[in-house]
Protein backbone atom coordinates (compact mmCIF):
# COMPACT_ATOMS: atom_id res chain seq x y z
CA UNK A 1 28.95 -1.28 -39.20
CA UNK A 2 30.00 2.10 -37.56
CA UNK A 3 27.07 4.27 -36.68
CA UNK A 4 24.68 1.26 -36.43
CA UNK A 5 21.70 2.23 -34.08
CA UNK A 6 19.11 -0.46 -34.54
CA UNK A 7 20.57 -2.70 -32.06
CA UNK A 8 18.59 -4.11 -29.18
CA UNK A 9 21.24 -5.55 -27.20
CA UNK A 10 25.03 -5.15 -27.06
CA UNK A 11 26.90 -8.03 -25.61
CA UNK A 12 30.46 -7.15 -24.37
CA UNK A 13 32.33 -10.45 -24.45
CA UNK A 14 31.95 -13.32 -26.97
CA UNK A 15 33.14 -16.25 -25.14
CA UNK A 16 30.81 -18.97 -23.55
CA UNK A 17 28.49 -16.78 -21.49
CA UNK A 18 28.20 -14.11 -24.09
CA UNK A 19 27.57 -16.51 -26.98
CA UNK A 20 25.00 -18.35 -24.85
CA UNK A 21 23.15 -15.11 -24.18
CA UNK A 22 23.30 -14.26 -27.71
CA UNK A 23 21.77 -17.43 -28.79
CA UNK A 24 18.73 -17.02 -26.34
CA UNK A 25 18.32 -13.36 -28.00
CA UNK A 26 18.87 -14.54 -31.47
CA UNK A 27 16.29 -17.03 -31.19
CA UNK A 28 13.75 -14.42 -30.16
CA UNK A 29 14.74 -12.24 -33.21
CA UNK A 30 16.46 -9.56 -31.38
CA UNK A 31 19.16 -7.53 -32.96
CA UNK A 32 22.32 -8.22 -31.13
CA UNK A 33 25.91 -7.10 -31.56
CA UNK A 34 28.64 -8.97 -29.64
CA UNK A 35 31.88 -7.30 -29.11
CA UNK A 36 34.94 -9.50 -28.25
CA UNK A 37 38.69 -8.89 -28.06
CA UNK A 38 39.52 -12.54 -28.44
CA UNK A 39 41.29 -13.21 -25.20
CA UNK A 40 39.22 -15.76 -22.99
CA UNK A 41 40.79 -16.40 -19.50
CA UNK A 42 41.10 -20.13 -20.38
CA UNK A 43 43.11 -19.73 -23.48
CA UNK A 44 45.95 -21.81 -21.98
CA UNK A 45 43.82 -24.59 -20.87
CA UNK A 46 44.16 -27.64 -22.88
CA UNK A 47 40.84 -29.34 -22.07
CA UNK A 48 37.41 -28.46 -20.68
CA UNK A 49 35.77 -30.76 -18.23
CA UNK A 50 32.73 -31.12 -16.17
CA UNK A 51 30.47 -30.01 -18.97
CA UNK A 52 28.10 -32.48 -20.12
CA UNK A 53 28.42 -33.38 -23.92
CA UNK A 54 31.69 -31.63 -24.04
CA UNK A 55 33.78 -33.30 -21.38
CA UNK A 56 37.48 -33.39 -22.43
CA UNK A 57 37.00 -31.03 -25.57
CA UNK A 58 39.39 -28.27 -26.11
CA UNK A 59 37.99 -24.92 -24.93
CA UNK A 60 38.61 -23.17 -28.34
CA UNK A 61 36.84 -25.89 -30.14
CA UNK A 62 33.68 -25.42 -27.91
CA UNK A 63 33.82 -21.69 -28.44
CA UNK A 64 34.24 -21.78 -32.31
CA UNK A 65 31.38 -24.39 -32.48
CA UNK A 66 29.24 -22.12 -30.35
CA UNK A 67 30.11 -19.04 -32.35
CA UNK A 68 29.37 -20.62 -35.66
CA UNK A 69 25.86 -21.81 -34.40
CA UNK A 70 25.11 -18.47 -32.84
CA UNK A 71 25.88 -16.67 -35.96
CA UNK A 72 23.48 -18.78 -37.97
CA UNK A 73 20.82 -16.51 -36.47
CA UNK A 74 20.63 -13.54 -38.88
CA UNK A 75 20.03 -10.78 -36.35
CA UNK A 76 23.21 -11.63 -34.36
CA UNK A 77 26.47 -9.88 -35.46
CA UNK A 78 29.97 -10.35 -34.12
CA UNK A 79 32.67 -7.58 -33.96
CA UNK A 80 36.24 -8.44 -33.24
CA UNK A 81 37.32 -5.59 -31.12
CA UNK A 82 37.86 -4.13 -27.67
CA UNK A 83 35.07 -2.14 -25.92
CA UNK A 84 36.84 0.75 -24.08
CA UNK A 85 34.05 3.00 -23.05
CA UNK A 86 30.31 3.30 -22.16
CA UNK A 87 27.72 6.05 -21.78
CA UNK A 88 24.20 5.98 -20.63
CA UNK A 89 21.40 8.33 -21.86
CA UNK A 90 17.68 8.40 -20.89
CA UNK A 91 16.74 5.44 -23.29
CA UNK A 92 19.93 3.76 -24.45
CA UNK A 93 23.47 2.90 -23.92
CA UNK A 94 26.46 3.95 -26.21
CA UNK A 95 29.60 1.57 -26.33
CA UNK A 96 32.79 2.78 -27.93
CA UNK A 97 35.57 0.51 -29.23
CA UNK A 98 39.25 0.88 -29.42
CA UNK A 99 39.10 1.64 -32.98
CA UNK A 100 36.87 4.53 -32.41
CA UNK A 101 33.47 3.10 -33.45
CA UNK A 102 30.40 3.75 -31.38
CA UNK A 103 27.26 1.63 -31.14
CA UNK A 104 24.00 2.24 -29.21
CA UNK A 105 21.58 -0.18 -27.89
CA UNK A 106 18.54 -0.47 -25.49
CA UNK A 107 20.23 -3.04 -23.09
CA UNK A 108 23.85 -4.33 -22.28
CA UNK A 109 25.05 -7.56 -21.29
CA UNK A 110 28.66 -7.80 -19.90
CA UNK A 111 30.15 -11.07 -20.28
CA UNK A 112 33.52 -9.89 -19.91
CA UNK A 113 35.23 -12.13 -17.27
CA UNK A 114 37.84 -11.45 -14.82
CA UNK A 115 41.55 -10.97 -15.04
CA UNK A 116 43.83 -13.07 -12.77
CA UNK A 117 46.54 -11.24 -11.01
CA UNK A 118 49.64 -13.55 -11.24
CA UNK A 119 52.09 -13.82 -8.44
CA UNK A 120 55.84 -12.75 -9.00
CA UNK A 121 56.82 -16.46 -9.19
CA UNK A 122 58.91 -17.32 -12.21
CA UNK A 123 57.28 -19.88 -14.41
CA UNK A 124 53.73 -19.55 -12.63
CA UNK A 125 51.80 -17.77 -15.61
CA UNK A 126 53.29 -20.30 -18.16
CA UNK A 127 51.80 -23.11 -16.02
CA UNK A 128 48.44 -21.42 -15.27
CA UNK A 129 45.55 -23.34 -16.72
CA UNK A 130 47.80 -26.27 -17.58
CA UNK A 131 49.22 -27.78 -14.34
CA UNK A 132 48.76 -24.80 -12.02
CA UNK A 133 44.85 -24.84 -11.82
CA UNK A 134 42.04 -23.09 -9.86
CA UNK A 135 39.21 -25.65 -9.77
CA UNK A 136 39.09 -29.30 -8.46
CA UNK A 137 35.78 -29.74 -10.40
CA UNK A 138 37.24 -28.65 -13.77
CA UNK A 139 40.71 -30.17 -13.42
CA UNK A 140 40.86 -32.51 -10.33
CA UNK A 141 40.01 -35.83 -11.81
CA UNK A 142 42.84 -35.67 -14.41
CA UNK A 143 45.24 -35.26 -11.52
CA UNK A 144 43.72 -37.89 -9.10
CA UNK A 145 46.00 -39.87 -6.95
CA UNK A 146 48.97 -37.52 -8.00
CA UNK A 147 51.33 -35.46 -5.97
CA UNK A 148 49.55 -32.36 -5.21
CA UNK A 149 50.47 -28.66 -4.06
CA UNK A 150 48.11 -26.11 -2.78
CA UNK A 151 49.53 -22.41 -3.33
CA UNK A 152 47.45 -20.65 -0.85
CA UNK A 153 47.14 -19.82 2.91
CA UNK A 154 44.43 -19.65 5.54
CA UNK A 155 40.76 -20.41 4.73
CA UNK A 156 41.38 -20.43 0.99
CA UNK A 157 44.06 -23.18 1.48
CA UNK A 158 41.84 -25.15 3.86
CA UNK A 159 38.87 -25.10 1.54
CA UNK A 160 40.88 -26.20 -1.38
CA UNK A 161 42.65 -28.95 0.70
CA UNK A 162 39.16 -30.36 1.92
CA UNK A 163 38.00 -30.64 -1.73
CA UNK A 164 41.13 -32.06 -3.11
CA UNK A 165 41.74 -34.62 -0.40
CA UNK A 166 38.93 -36.66 -2.03
CA UNK A 167 41.04 -36.75 -5.12
CA UNK A 168 44.47 -37.57 -3.69
CA UNK A 169 46.22 -38.53 -0.51
CA UNK A 170 49.36 -36.77 -1.22
CA UNK A 171 48.75 -33.01 -0.58
CA UNK A 172 51.07 -30.25 0.61
CA UNK A 173 50.05 -26.68 1.33
CA UNK A 174 52.71 -24.20 0.29
CA UNK A 175 51.91 -21.07 2.22
CA UNK A 176 55.03 -19.23 1.01
CA UNK A 177 55.24 -17.49 4.39
CA UNK A 178 53.96 -18.20 7.94
CA UNK A 179 50.98 -20.40 7.89
CA UNK A 180 47.67 -18.85 8.97
CA UNK A 181 45.57 -21.76 10.29
CA UNK A 182 43.64 -22.14 13.59
CA UNK A 183 44.17 -24.98 15.94
CA UNK A 184 40.98 -26.75 14.62
CA UNK A 185 42.04 -26.39 11.01
CA UNK A 186 45.48 -27.72 11.92
CA UNK A 187 44.02 -30.81 13.56
CA UNK A 188 41.93 -31.66 10.62
CA UNK A 189 44.82 -31.12 8.13
CA UNK A 190 46.90 -33.39 10.37
CA UNK A 191 44.25 -35.99 10.59
CA UNK A 192 44.23 -36.27 6.65
CA UNK A 193 48.09 -36.28 6.52
CA UNK A 194 48.06 -32.86 4.76
CA UNK A 195 51.46 -31.18 4.90
CA UNK A 196 52.34 -27.60 5.40
CA UNK A 197 55.51 -25.94 4.00
CA UNK A 198 56.06 -22.33 4.88
CA UNK A 199 59.14 -21.78 2.65
CA UNK A 200 59.05 -18.83 0.31
CA UNK A 201 58.52 -19.98 -3.35
CA UNK A 202 60.83 -18.53 -6.05
CA UNK A 203 60.15 -20.57 -9.09
CA UNK A 204 57.92 -23.10 -10.74
CA UNK A 205 60.05 -25.40 -12.84
CA UNK A 206 58.16 -26.83 -15.81
CA UNK A 207 58.25 -28.28 -19.34
CA UNK A 208 55.59 -26.63 -21.66
CA UNK A 209 53.57 -25.56 -18.72
CA UNK A 210 53.69 -29.00 -16.99
CA UNK A 211 55.15 -28.70 -13.41
CA UNK A 212 58.19 -30.61 -12.48
CA UNK A 213 59.47 -28.95 -9.33
CA UNK A 214 58.54 -25.96 -7.00
CA UNK A 215 61.79 -24.27 -6.09
CA UNK A 216 62.14 -22.22 -2.84
CA UNK A 217 64.35 -19.26 -1.94
CA UNK A 218 66.68 -21.40 0.02
CA UNK A 219 67.43 -23.45 -3.15
CA UNK A 220 65.52 -26.51 -2.06
CA UNK A 221 62.82 -28.07 -4.27
CA UNK A 222 59.81 -30.33 -4.19
CA UNK A 223 58.49 -32.27 -7.15
CA UNK A 224 54.65 -32.06 -7.91
CA UNK A 225 52.40 -33.17 -10.77
CA UNK A 226 49.75 -30.23 -10.09
CA UNK A 227 49.20 -27.29 -8.04
CA UNK A 228 46.00 -25.59 -7.10
CA UNK A 229 46.11 -21.78 -6.65
CA UNK A 230 43.65 -19.23 -5.25
CA UNK A 231 44.58 -16.00 -7.13
CA UNK A 232 43.31 -12.46 -6.45
CA UNK A 233 41.71 -10.96 -9.57
CA UNK A 234 40.12 -7.73 -11.04
CA UNK A 235 37.41 -7.12 -13.47
CA UNK A 236 38.48 -7.56 -17.09
CA UNK A 237 36.63 -4.51 -18.08
CA UNK A 238 36.13 -1.26 -16.18
CA UNK A 239 33.02 -0.24 -18.17
CA UNK A 240 30.54 -1.74 -15.85
CA UNK A 241 31.73 0.21 -12.83
CA UNK A 242 32.08 3.34 -14.96
CA UNK A 243 28.34 3.02 -15.78
CA UNK A 244 27.61 2.61 -12.02
CA UNK A 245 27.47 -1.12 -11.68
CA UNK A 246 28.21 -2.08 -8.14
CA UNK A 247 30.74 -4.58 -7.09
CA UNK A 248 30.47 -7.11 -4.23
CA UNK A 249 32.96 -7.08 -1.35
CA UNK A 250 34.83 -9.84 -3.35
CA UNK A 251 35.10 -7.85 -6.42
CA UNK A 252 32.32 -9.37 -8.56
CA UNK A 253 29.51 -7.38 -10.37
CA UNK A 254 26.57 -7.52 -8.19
CA UNK A 255 23.60 -9.18 -9.75
CA UNK A 256 20.20 -10.42 -8.57
CA UNK A 257 18.81 -13.97 -9.21
CA UNK A 258 18.23 -12.98 -12.92
CA UNK A 259 21.55 -11.72 -13.66
CA UNK A 260 20.53 -8.06 -13.47
CA UNK A 261 23.05 -5.51 -12.24
CA UNK A 262 22.26 -2.70 -9.93
CA UNK A 263 21.97 -0.42 -12.96
CA UNK A 264 18.69 -0.70 -14.91
CA UNK A 265 19.08 -2.13 -18.27
CA UNK A 266 22.48 -3.71 -17.66
CA UNK A 267 22.97 -7.45 -17.06
CA UNK A 268 26.05 -9.43 -16.24
CA UNK A 269 27.08 -13.12 -16.72
CA UNK A 270 29.91 -15.57 -16.49
CA UNK A 271 33.01 -15.16 -14.31
CA UNK A 272 32.68 -11.57 -13.77
CA UNK A 273 29.70 -11.90 -11.49
CA UNK A 274 30.00 -15.20 -9.71
CA UNK A 275 32.59 -17.45 -8.02
CA UNK A 276 31.69 -20.59 -10.10
CA UNK A 277 34.28 -20.48 -12.84
CA UNK A 278 33.30 -23.16 -15.25
CA UNK A 279 32.17 -23.29 -19.00
CA UNK A 280 28.95 -25.02 -17.78
CA UNK A 281 28.18 -22.23 -15.51
CA UNK A 282 28.98 -19.51 -17.95
CA UNK A 283 26.76 -21.13 -20.44
CA UNK A 284 23.99 -21.34 -18.06
CA UNK A 285 24.20 -17.80 -16.75
CA UNK A 286 24.50 -16.29 -20.24
CA UNK A 287 21.38 -18.26 -21.33
CA UNK A 288 19.49 -16.76 -18.38
CA UNK A 289 20.84 -13.19 -18.92
CA UNK A 290 19.61 -13.45 -22.49
CA UNK A 291 16.26 -14.72 -21.56
CA UNK A 292 15.79 -12.00 -18.89
CA UNK A 293 16.88 -9.29 -21.36
CA UNK A 294 14.40 -10.50 -23.87
CA UNK A 295 11.68 -10.39 -21.18
CA UNK A 296 12.42 -6.90 -20.40
CA UNK A 297 12.29 -5.90 -24.10
CA UNK A 298 9.01 -7.66 -24.29
CA UNK A 299 7.52 -6.01 -21.33
CA UNK A 300 8.66 -2.58 -22.57
CA UNK A 301 6.94 -3.02 -25.89
CA UNK A 302 3.95 -5.45 -25.34
């Protein structure tokens, strides 16, 4: 495949949003190359929810089925590899992989996702996506009426508490340091019997990723069934920024209403460009990106 130059669109990232974009383009007979390194951010998550027709399915099953369907379109190709560099010339883009291959295309779609920055808490990463989760819409129903922790502080913790409060009446916010809430927020938390614990967390005790106890620096512990965490993140790929794509103040790739970045010819979809982290949103945004890229290609030739 090295040296292939008759590509209309390179899609970097072959999970839900990238595959969805590829399907839209494949059905329009566009020559598409998907480059994917095989490390989706939800690889530890046992089940996907809040996605109609696939509710409760394993994420890898959804992805495998999607990939098999997308590759039924003869103009779509899939490369297992890691994209490490990008260049822009007057009329095309060039993408280089870790193995040294280079591919050129008229348009780029980044479906590269984000990389969560894990805290230095023993056991946290092993529980991430299983019983330490990020989204009440994706995971909350399965943990309804159970003992729940929120690992956050300030506005993020308050927002999560307000959403989770509809799912359980047993919530404790673990700020792991001095709580940062104003008087109005404290009053509303008290109104709903939401507790605040300021002790520093040292460890999450678990069995196969399922929380048993949160252990604090003073040796005390509290048992929980689930914990919600608001983690910082970084872009999974630095290629968009190297090509000139702007990021928002929150660290997402800036896009317009049609998934177009601030660089002509480059689009982005999925987790890298929006706060809505779900399979359903990834599929939607990828489909839109594919359709908009096809429109641009059509407008340039017709």
